[in-house]
Amino acid sequence: MAEEAVKRYAVVTGANRGIGFATVKQLASNGITVVLTARDEKRGLEALEKLKEFGVSDRVVFHQLDVTDSVSVATLADFVKTQFGKLDILINNAAVVGSIVTPENFKSALSGKVRFYVHQGKVIFPFGIEATRPEAINWSEISTIPNYKVAEQCLKTNYYEITNNQAKYEALIIGLEILMELEATEVEVFGNSELVINQLNGEYKCRHITMAGYYLVTTQLLRYWGDKISVSHIPIESNTIANEMAQLAIGVQIQEKRFEIEVEL
């Protein structure tokens, strides 16, 4: 029972290679159960298989995730909630680039600075001594092509409509943690964010990966009171004090030590 209580769970997006893969490996090496996600199921399963070489695959599970697909995000959130009941760490390594880089421009910037070759339309970097001097690349010199649709997708995926509702979630999490410390036995939560309140009441699905992290942490806290807690929506004009707390929460670190972990790459 004591061992179960201290288990920690993490989700790493874009984790089938590179920094994401290394992060999964390091987290699992520290005894944390990790959900390795990737847009391509085949590559995700291959990454999971590769982790067997490091002896950590028993603490890693794979789940397909496309951060640009709201249904995929909601499915992952439901999976974590059902399988683990909580989420301690969310590392959102996956993202969408806001401009277009042509293979010609990319190759031109790397030519004579880094050894590489092109295979089936992809730029491949060989590992080892021959592939040194990446610091010689001036990434700002790589020409990009502005594209409205791509930029819009980048904003919607990486940033869009997050800041305000993120603040609401953070304020709520702070409040619930204070109430736990005060040993409150019955709690009524009132919030002016229709999105946040309806997500917590199960009326809306959580369809953004960053918001999914907040949602899972909050629902974990709500379970502390069982049926002795209620969550209700009220208009913003009736909730001015709480709204000011939410804005303040943007700059507050929530029990930082609980989420802190050293990752060696």
C-alpha atoms as a PDB file:
ATOM      1  CA  MET A   1       0.000   0.000   0.000  1.00  0.00           C
ATOM      2  CA  ALA A   2       2.831   2.400   0.900  1.00  0.00           C
ATOM      3  CA  GLU A   3       4.591   1.614  -2.396  1.00  0.00           C
ATOM      4  CA  GLU A   4       1.387   2.335  -4.353  1.00  0.00           C
ATOM      5  CA  ALA A   5       0.988   5.705  -2.615  1.00  0.00           C
ATOM      6  CA  VAL A   6       4.354   7.009  -3.770  1.00  0.00           C
ATOM      7  CA  LYS A   7       4.087   5.953  -7.415  1.00  0.00           C
ATOM      8  CA  ARG A   8       4.445   8.815  -9.868  1.00  0.00           C
ATOM      9  CA  TYR A   9       3.188   8.996 -13.423  1.00  0.00           C
ATOM     10  CA  ALA A  10       4.396  11.056 -16.374  1.00  0.00           C
ATOM     11  CA  VAL A  11       3.383  11.729 -19.965  1.00  0.00           C
ATOM     12  CA  VAL A  12       5.993  12.731 -22.560  1.00  0.00           C
ATOM     13  CA  THR A  13       4.759  13.854 -25.969  1.00  0.00           C
ATOM     14  CA  GLY A  14       6.816  13.492 -29.137  1.00  0.00           C
ATOM     15  CA  ALA A  15       8.806  10.794 -27.366  1.00  0.00           C
ATOM     16  CA  ASN A  16       9.726   8.270 -30.041  1.00  0.00           C
ATOM     17  CA  ARG A  17      13.149   9.866 -30.640  1.00  0.00           C
ATOM     18  CA  GLY A  18      15.576  12.619 -29.649  1.00  0.00           C
ATOM     19  CA  ILE A  19      15.022  14.663 -26.501  1.00  0.00           C
ATOM     20  CA  GLY A  20      11.597  13.122 -25.903  1.00  0.00           C
ATOM     21  CA  PHE A  21      12.981   9.585 -26.005  1.00  0.00           C
ATOM     22  CA  ALA A  22      15.912  10.508 -23.721  1.00  0.00           C
ATOM     23  CA  THR A  23      13.483  12.115 -21.270  1.00  0.00           C
ATOM     24  CA  VAL A  24      11.337   8.975 -21.136  1.00  0.00           C
ATOM     25  CA  LYS A  25      14.448   6.879 -20.484  1.00  0.00           C
ATOM     26  CA  GLN A  26      15.618   9.152 -17.669  1.00  0.00           C
ATOM     27  CA  LEU A  27      12.215   9.375 -15.991  1.00  0.00           C
ATOM     28  CA  ALA A  28      11.724   5.600 -16.113  1.00  0.00           C
ATOM     29  CA  SER A  29      15.249   5.123 -14.736  1.00  0.00           C
ATOM     30  CA  ASN A  30      14.121   7.148 -11.727  1.00  0.00           C
ATOM     31  CA  GLY A  31      11.232   4.761 -11.042  1.00  0.00           C
ATOM     32  CA  ILE A  32       8.505   6.848 -12.661  1.00  0.00           C
ATOM     33  CA  THR A  33       5.853   5.176 -14.806  1.00  0.00           C
ATOM     34  CA  VAL A  34       5.910   6.953 -18.169  1.00  0.00           C
ATOM     35  CA  VAL A  35       3.413   7.140 -21.020  1.00  0.00           C
ATOM     36  CA  LEU A  36       5.509   7.431 -24.181  1.00  0.00           C
ATOM     37  CA  THR A  37       3.463   9.104 -26.889  1.00  0.00           C
ATOM     38  CA  ALA A  38       4.052   9.551 -30.599  1.00  0.00           C
ATOM     39  CA  ARG A  39       1.903  10.510 -33.563  1.00  0.00           C
ATOM     40  CA  ASP A  40       3.108   7.507 -35.558  1.00  0.00           C
ATOM     41  CA  GLU A  41       2.089   4.298 -33.790  1.00  0.00           C
ATOM     42  CA  LYS A  42       4.730   2.174 -35.538  1.00  0.00           C
ATOM     43  CA  ARG A  43       7.565   4.491 -34.495  1.00  0.00           C
ATOM     44  CA  GLY A  44       6.189   4.727 -30.983  1.00  0.00           C
ATOM     45  CA  LEU A  45       6.161   0.951 -30.586  1.00  0.00           C
ATOM     46  CA  GLU A  46       9.673   0.755 -32.034  1.00  0.00           C
ATOM     47  CA  ALA A  47      10.837   3.266 -29.406  1.00  0.00           C
ATOM     48  CA  LEU A  48       9.186   1.189 -26.690  1.00  0.00           C
ATOM     49  CA  GLU A  49      11.005  -1.886 -27.965  1.00  0.00           C
ATOM     50  CA  LYS A  50      14.304  -0.003 -27.977  1.00  0.00           C
ATOM     51  CA  LEU A  51      13.868   0.859 -24.287  1.00  0.00           C
ATOM     52  CA  LYS A  52      14.280  -2.842 -23.489  1.00  0.00           C
ATOM     53  CA  GLU A  53      17.994  -2.352 -24.136  1.00  0.00           C
ATOM     54  CA  PHE A  54      18.127  -0.038 -21.113  1.00  0.00           C
ATOM     55  CA  GLY A  55      16.057  -2.240 -18.804  1.00  0.00           C
ATOM     56  CA  VAL A  56      13.286   0.323 -18.243  1.00  0.00           C
ATOM     57  CA  SER A  57      10.580  -0.862 -20.641  1.00  0.00           C
ATOM     58  CA  ASP A  58       8.547  -2.374 -17.784  1.00  0.00           C
ATOM     59  CA  ARG A  59       7.898   1.168 -16.508  1.00  0.00           C
ATOM     60  CA  VAL A  60       6.896   2.589 -19.902  1.00  0.00           C
ATOM     61  CA  VAL A  61       3.648   2.235 -21.828  1.00  0.00           C
ATOM     62  CA  PHE A  62       2.898   3.546 -25.301  1.00  0.00           C
ATOM     63  CA  HIS A  63      -0.142   5.553 -26.311  1.00  0.00           C
ATOM     64  CA  GLN A  64      -0.696   7.129 -29.710  1.00  0.00           C
ATOM     65  CA  LEU A  65      -1.086  10.910 -29.593  1.00  0.00           C
ATOM     66  CA  ASP A  66      -1.434  13.610 -32.233  1.00  0.00           C
ATOM     67  CA  VAL A  67      -1.295  16.955 -30.394  1.00  0.00           C
ATOM     68  CA  THR A  68      -3.088  18.620 -33.344  1.00  0.00           C
ATOM     69  CA  ASP A  69      -6.059  16.248 -33.025  1.00  0.00           C
ATOM     70  CA  SER A  70      -8.467  17.156 -30.215  1.00  0.00           C
ATOM     71  CA  VAL A  71     -10.014  13.678 -30.206  1.00  0.00           C
ATOM     72  CA  SER A  72      -6.567  12.102 -29.813  1.00  0.00           C
ATOM     73  CA  VAL A  73      -5.772  14.416 -26.869  1.00  0.00           C
ATOM     74  CA  ALA A  74      -9.095  13.624 -25.171  1.00  0.00           C
ATOM     75  CA  THR A  75      -8.491   9.893 -25.632  1.00  0.00           C
ATOM     76  CA  LEU A  76      -5.086  10.158 -23.960  1.00  0.00           C
ATOM     77  CA  ALA A  77      -6.530  12.139 -21.037  1.00  0.00           C
ATOM     78  CA  ASP A  78      -9.211   9.469 -20.527  1.00  0.00           C
ATOM     79  CA  PHE A  79      -6.563   6.743 -20.704  1.00  0.00           C
ATOM     80  CA  VAL A  80      -4.392   8.345 -18.012  1.00  0.00           C
ATOM     81  CA  LYS A  81      -7.375   9.034 -15.781  1.00  0.00           C
ATOM     82  CA  THR A  82      -8.653   5.452 -16.102  1.00  0.00           C
ATOM     83  CA  GLN A  83      -5.318   3.646 -15.836  1.00  0.00           C
ATOM     84  CA  PHE A  84      -3.521   5.762 -13.229  1.00  0.00           C
ATOM     85  CA  GLY A  85      -6.058   8.138 -11.718  1.00  0.00           C
ATOM     86  CA  LYS A  86      -3.543  10.985 -11.687  1.00  0.00           C
ATOM     87  CA  LEU A  87      -0.708  12.685 -13.558  1.00  0.00           C
ATOM     88  CA  ASP A  88       2.379  14.033 -11.771  1.00  0.00           C
ATOM     89  CA  ILE A  89       4.519  15.170 -14.717  1.00  0.00           C
ATOM     90  CA  LEU A  90       3.626  16.393 -18.216  1.00  0.00           C
ATOM     91  CA  ILE A  91       6.457  17.121 -20.640  1.00  0.00           C
ATOM     92  CA  ASN A  92       5.054  18.505 -23.864  1.00  0.00           C
ATOM     93  CA  ASN A  93       7.936  17.924 -26.264  1.00  0.00           C
ATOM     94  CA  ALA A  94       5.743  17.710 -29.379  1.00  0.00           C
ATOM     95  CA  ALA A  95       4.901  20.922 -31.204  1.00  0.00           C
ATOM     96  CA  VAL A  96       4.063  22.373 -34.602  1.00  0.00           C
ATOM     97  CA  VAL A  97       6.519  24.582 -36.514  1.00  0.00           C
ATOM     98  CA  GLY A  98       5.002  27.899 -37.601  1.00  0.00           C
ATOM     99  CA  SER A  99       6.744  28.210 -40.981  1.00  0.00           C
ATOM    100  CA  ILE A 100       7.934  26.110 -43.893  1.00  0.00           C
ATOM    101  CA  VAL A 101      11.563  25.133 -44.450  1.00  0.00           C
ATOM    102  CA  THR A 102      12.377  23.744 -47.895  1.00  0.00           C
ATOM    103  CA  PRO A 103      14.884  20.859 -48.180  1.00  0.00           C
ATOM    104  CA  GLU A 104      17.003  23.053 -50.471  1.00  0.00           C
ATOM    105  CA  ASN A 105      17.337  25.867 -47.916  1.00  0.00           C
ATOM    106  CA  PHE A 106      18.058  23.402 -45.126  1.00  0.00           C
ATOM    107  CA  LYS A 107      20.756  21.623 -47.108  1.00  0.00           C
ATOM    108  CA  SER A 108      22.304  24.947 -48.113  1.00  0.00           C
ATOM    109  CA  ALA A 109      22.629  26.074 -44.484  1.00  0.00           C
ATOM    110  CA  LEU A 110      24.253  22.781 -43.437  1.00  0.00           C
ATOM    111  CA  SER A 111      26.547  22.348 -46.401  1.00  0.00           C
ATOM    112  CA  GLY A 112      30.210  22.210 -45.347  1.00  0.00           C
ATOM    113  CA  LYS A 113      29.345  22.444 -41.642  1.00  0.00           C
ATOM    114  CA  VAL A 114      27.766  19.098 -40.744  1.00  0.00           C
ATOM    115  CA  ARG A 115      27.960  15.733 -42.470  1.00  0.00           C
ATOM    116  CA  PHE A 116      24.560  14.549 -43.636  1.00  0.00           C
ATOM    117  CA  TYR A 117      22.871  12.791 -46.490  1.00  0.00           C
ATOM    118  CA  VAL A 118      19.404  12.699 -47.957  1.00  0.00           C
ATOM    119  CA  HIS A 119      17.434   9.447 -48.032  1.00  0.00           C
ATOM    120  CA  GLN A 120      13.873   9.198 -49.371  1.00  0.00           C
ATOM    121  CA  GLY A 121      13.386  12.945 -49.008  1.00  0.00           C
ATOM    122  CA  LYS A 122      14.645  13.072 -45.408  1.00  0.00           C
ATOM    123  CA  VAL A 123      17.843  14.656 -44.098  1.00  0.00           C
ATOM    124  CA  ILE A 124      19.816  12.038 -42.131  1.00  0.00           C
ATOM    125  CA  PHE A 125      22.575  12.914 -39.645  1.00  0.00           C
ATOM    126  CA  PRO A 126      25.076  10.092 -39.013  1.00  0.00           C
ATOM    127  CA  PHE A 127      26.239   9.768 -35.391  1.00  0.00           C
ATOM    128  CA  GLY A 128      29.849   9.787 -34.241  1.00  0.00           C
ATOM    129  CA  ILE A 129      32.915  11.930 -34.739  1.00  0.00           C
ATOM    130  CA  GLU A 130      32.155  12.526 -38.410  1.00  0.00           C
ATOM    131  CA  ALA A 131      28.939  14.320 -37.487  1.00  0.00           C
ATOM    132  CA  THR A 132      30.531  16.942 -35.227  1.00  0.00           C
ATOM    133  CA  ARG A 133      30.452  20.740 -35.439  1.00  0.00           C
ATOM    134  CA  PRO A 134      26.665  21.313 -35.230  1.00  0.00           C
ATOM    135  CA  GLU A 135      27.585  24.516 -33.356  1.00  0.00           C
ATOM    136  CA  ALA A 136      28.888  25.858 -36.661  1.00  0.00           C
ATOM    137  CA  ILE A 137      25.344  26.152 -37.941  1.00  0.00           C
ATOM    138  CA  ASN A 138      23.698  29.558 -37.700  1.00  0.00           C
ATOM    139  CA  TRP A 139      20.092  28.420 -37.542  1.00  0.00           C
ATOM    140  CA  SER A 140      18.840  31.968 -38.131  1.00  0.00           C
ATOM    141  CA  GLU A 141      20.354  31.810 -41.618  1.00  0.00           C
ATOM    142  CA  ILE A 142      18.006  29.036 -42.705  1.00  0.00           C
ATOM    143  CA  SER A 143      15.418  30.641 -44.966  1.00  0.00           C
ATOM    144  CA  THR A 144      11.793  29.943 -44.089  1.00  0.00           C
ATOM    145  CA  ILE A 145       8.640  30.536 -46.080  1.00  0.00           C
ATOM    146  CA  PRO A 146       5.823  32.325 -44.187  1.00  0.00           C
ATOM    147  CA  ASN A 147       2.534  30.497 -44.450  1.00  0.00           C
ATOM    148  CA  TYR A 148      -0.664  31.716 -42.788  1.00  0.00           C
ATOM    149  CA  LYS A 149      -2.291  28.297 -42.411  1.00  0.00           C
ATOM    150  CA  VAL A 150       0.844  26.748 -40.935  1.00  0.00           C
ATOM    151  CA  ALA A 151       1.319  29.688 -38.537  1.00  0.00           C
ATOM    152  CA  GLU A 152      -2.318  29.491 -37.467  1.00  0.00           C
ATOM    153  CA  GLN A 153      -1.972  25.764 -36.781  1.00  0.00           C
ATOM    154  CA  CYS A 154       1.193  26.460 -34.780  1.00  0.00           C
ATOM    155  CA  LEU A 155      -0.586  28.996 -32.561  1.00  0.00           C
ATOM    156  CA  LYS A 156      -3.648  26.811 -32.048  1.00  0.00           C
ATOM    157  CA  THR A 157      -1.553  23.769 -31.166  1.00  0.00           C
ATOM    158  CA  ASN A 158       1.179  25.347 -29.056  1.00  0.00           C
ATOM    159  CA  TYR A 159      -0.439  28.409 -27.479  1.00  0.00           C
ATOM    160  CA  TYR A 160      -3.999  29.179 -28.535  1.00  0.00           C
ATOM    161  CA  GLU A 161      -6.561  29.952 -25.775  1.00  0.00           C
ATOM    162  CA  ILE A 162      -4.349  28.508 -23.068  1.00  0.00           C
ATOM    163  CA  THR A 163      -3.162  31.410 -20.928  1.00  0.00           C
ATOM    164  CA  ASN A 164      -6.465  32.486 -19.326  1.00  0.00           C
ATOM    165  CA  ASN A 165      -7.856  29.017 -18.654  1.00  0.00           C
ATOM    166  CA  GLN A 166      -4.421  27.858 -17.532  1.00  0.00           C
ATOM    167  CA  ALA A 167      -4.541  30.632 -14.898  1.00  0.00           C
ATOM    168  CA  LYS A 168      -7.989  29.466 -13.777  1.00  0.00           C
ATOM    169  CA  TYR A 169      -6.739  25.908 -13.336  1.00  0.00           C
ATOM    170  CA  GLU A 170      -3.638  27.038 -11.439  1.00  0.00           C
ATOM    171  CA  ALA A 171      -5.686  29.216  -9.071  1.00  0.00           C
ATOM    172  CA  LEU A 172      -8.048  26.311  -8.430  1.00  0.00           C
ATOM    173  CA  ILE A 173      -5.179  23.898  -7.764  1.00  0.00           C
ATOM    174  CA  ILE A 174      -3.628  26.337  -5.273  1.00  0.00           C
ATOM    175  CA  GLY A 175      -6.974  26.754  -3.511  1.00  0.00           C
ATOM    176  CA  LEU A 176      -7.610  23.009  -3.289  1.00  0.00           C
ATOM    177  CA  GLU A 177      -4.129  22.346  -1.904  1.00  0.00           C
ATOM    178  CA  ILE A 178      -4.677  25.023   0.774  1.00  0.00           C
ATOM    179  CA  LEU A 179      -8.024  23.472   1.697  1.00  0.00           C
ATOM    180  CA  MET A 180      -6.376  20.063   2.027  1.00  0.00           C
ATOM    181  CA  GLU A 181      -3.808  21.517   4.421  1.00  0.00           C
ATOM    182  CA  LEU A 182      -6.630  23.126   6.426  1.00  0.00           C
ATOM    183  CA  GLU A 183      -8.388  19.715   6.514  1.00  0.00           C
ATOM    184  CA  ALA A 184     -11.615  21.101   5.045  1.00  0.00           C
ATOM    185  CA  THR A 185     -14.366  18.453   5.061  1.00  0.00           C
ATOM    186  CA  GLU A 186     -16.850  19.985   2.585  1.00  0.00           C
ATOM    187  CA  VAL A 187     -15.992  22.243  -0.351  1.00  0.00           C
ATOM    188  CA  GLU A 188     -17.949  24.299  -2.889  1.00  0.00           C
ATOM    189  CA  VAL A 189     -16.011  25.480  -5.948  1.00  0.00           C
ATOM    190  CA  PHE A 190     -17.308  28.389  -8.037  1.00  0.00           C
ATOM    191  CA  GLY A 191     -15.558  29.428 -11.242  1.00  0.00           C
ATOM    192  CA  ASN A 192     -16.258  31.843 -14.104  1.00  0.00           C
ATOM    193  CA  SER A 193     -14.482  29.771 -16.776  1.00  0.00           C
ATOM    194  CA  GLU A 194     -17.196  27.788 -18.492  1.00  0.00           C
ATOM    195  CA  LEU A 195     -14.545  25.642 -20.192  1.00  0.00           C
ATOM    196  CA  VAL A 196     -12.747  24.656 -16.961  1.00  0.00           C
ATOM    197  CA  ILE A 197     -15.924  24.032 -14.942  1.00  0.00           C
ATOM    198  CA  ASN A 198     -17.563  21.949 -17.666  1.00  0.00           C
ATOM    199  CA  GLN A 199     -14.375  19.920 -18.153  1.00  0.00           C
ATOM    200  CA  LEU A 200     -14.282  19.115 -14.440  1.00  0.00           C
ATOM    201  CA  ASN A 201     -17.980  18.211 -14.435  1.00  0.00           C
ATOM    202  CA  GLY A 202     -17.455  15.891 -17.405  1.00  0.00           C
ATOM    203  CA  GLU A 203     -19.634  17.894 -19.805  1.00  0.00           C
ATOM    204  CA  TYR A 204     -16.684  18.954 -21.998  1.00  0.00           C
ATOM    205  CA  LYS A 205     -13.780  16.831 -23.175  1.00  0.00           C
ATOM    206  CA  CYS A 206     -10.258  18.151 -22.569  1.00  0.00           C
ATOM    207  CA  ARG A 207      -8.899  18.562 -26.101  1.00  0.00           C
ATOM    208  CA  HIS A 208      -5.534  20.314 -25.647  1.00  0.00           C
ATOM    209  CA  ILE A 209      -2.490  18.482 -24.304  1.00  0.00           C
ATOM    210  CA  THR A 210      -1.437  21.286 -21.935  1.00  0.00           C
ATOM    211  CA  MET A 211      -4.943  21.652 -20.538  1.00  0.00           C
ATOM    212  CA  ALA A 212      -5.149  17.873 -20.178  1.00  0.00           C
ATOM    213  CA  GLY A 213      -2.260  18.040 -17.710  1.00  0.00           C
ATOM    214  CA  TYR A 214      -4.065  20.621 -15.580  1.00  0.00           C
ATOM    215  CA  TYR A 215      -7.310  18.675 -15.828  1.00  0.00           C
ATOM    216  CA  LEU A 216      -5.737  15.448 -14.569  1.00  0.00           C
ATOM    217  CA  VAL A 217      -3.979  17.148 -11.638  1.00  0.00           C
ATOM    218  CA  THR A 218      -7.190  18.953 -10.634  1.00  0.00           C
ATOM    219  CA  THR A 219      -9.447  15.894 -10.826  1.00  0.00           C
ATOM    220  CA  GLN A 220      -6.920  14.028  -8.695  1.00  0.00           C
ATOM    221  CA  LEU A 221      -7.284  16.714  -6.005  1.00  0.00           C
ATOM    222  CA  LEU A 222     -11.093  16.750  -6.286  1.00  0.00           C
ATOM    223  CA  ARG A 223     -11.241  13.035  -5.484  1.00  0.00           C
ATOM    224  CA  TYR A 224      -9.847  13.799  -2.011  1.00  0.00           C
ATOM    225  CA  TRP A 225     -13.313  15.010  -0.947  1.00  0.00           C
ATOM    226  CA  GLY A 226     -15.374  12.422  -2.837  1.00  0.00           C
ATOM    227  CA  ASP A 227     -19.036  13.495  -2.859  1.00  0.00           C
ATOM    228  CA  LYS A 228     -18.322  16.280  -0.355  1.00  0.00           C
ATOM    229  CA  ILE A 229     -17.219  18.708  -3.076  1.00  0.00           C
ATOM    230  CA  SER A 230     -19.197  20.487  -5.807  1.00  0.00           C
ATOM    231  CA  VAL A 231     -18.041  22.503  -8.824  1.00  0.00           C
ATOM    232  CA  SER A 232     -20.315  25.199 -10.254  1.00  0.00           C
ATOM    233  CA  HIS A 233     -20.104  27.937 -12.891  1.00  0.00           C
ATOM    234  CA  ILE A 234     -20.916  31.587 -12.117  1.00  0.00           C
ATOM    235  CA  PRO A 235     -20.695  34.727 -14.324  1.00  0.00           C
ATOM    236  CA  ILE A 236     -17.395  36.620 -14.212  1.00  0.00           C
ATOM    237  CA  GLU A 237     -19.072  39.771 -12.804  1.00  0.00           C
ATOM    238  CA  SER A 238     -20.057  37.726  -9.744  1.00  0.00           C
ATOM    239  CA  ASN A 239     -16.584  36.320  -9.281  1.00  0.00           C
ATOM    240  CA  THR A 240     -14.209  39.312  -9.352  1.00  0.00           C
ATOM    241  CA  ILE A 241     -12.112  38.341  -6.310  1.00  0.00           C
ATOM    242  CA  ALA A 242     -11.519  34.810  -7.567  1.00  0.00           C
ATOM    243  CA  ASN A 243     -10.709  36.163 -11.028  1.00  0.00           C
ATOM    244  CA  GLU A 244      -7.972  38.385  -9.551  1.00  0.00           C
ATOM    245  CA  MET A 245      -6.554  35.311  -7.788  1.00  0.00           C
ATOM    246  CA  ALA A 246      -6.507  33.462 -11.102  1.00  0.00           C
ATOM    247  CA  GLN A 247      -4.521  36.254 -12.760  1.00  0.00           C
ATOM    248  CA  LEU A 248      -2.075  36.243  -9.854  1.00  0.00           C
ATOM    249  CA  ALA A 249      -1.676  32.465 -10.176  1.00  0.00           C
ATOM    250  CA  ILE A 250      -0.019  32.801 -13.591  1.00  0.00           C
ATOM    251  CA  GLY A 251       3.248  33.668 -11.874  1.00  0.00           C
ATOM    252  CA  VAL A 252       2.963  31.236  -8.943  1.00  0.00           C
ATOM    253  CA  GLN A 253       5.012  28.030  -8.749  1.00  0.00           C
ATOM    254  CA  ILE A 254       2.822  25.232  -7.388  1.00  0.00           C
ATOM    255  CA  GLN A 255       4.768  23.024  -4.982  1.00  0.00           C
ATOM    256  CA  GLU A 256       7.727  23.056  -7.344  1.00  0.00           C
ATOM    257  CA  LYS A 257       9.616  20.354  -5.479  1.00  0.00           C
ATOM    258  CA  ARG A 258       6.845  17.875  -6.171  1.00  0.00           C
ATOM    259  CA  PHE A 259       7.401  18.040  -9.936  1.00  0.00           C
ATOM    260  CA  GLU A 260      11.151  18.660 -10.019  1.00  0.00           C
ATOM    261  CA  ILE A 261      13.450  16.026 -11.488  1.00  0.00           C
ATOM    262  CA  GLU A 262      16.898  16.139 -13.009  1.00  0.00           C
ATOM    263  CA  VAL A 263      17.015  14.904 -16.590  1.00  0.00           C
ATOM    264  CA  GLU A 264      20.372  13.939 -18.045  1.00  0.00           C
ATOM    265  CA  LEU A 265      20.568  13.905 -21.837  1.00  0.00           C
END
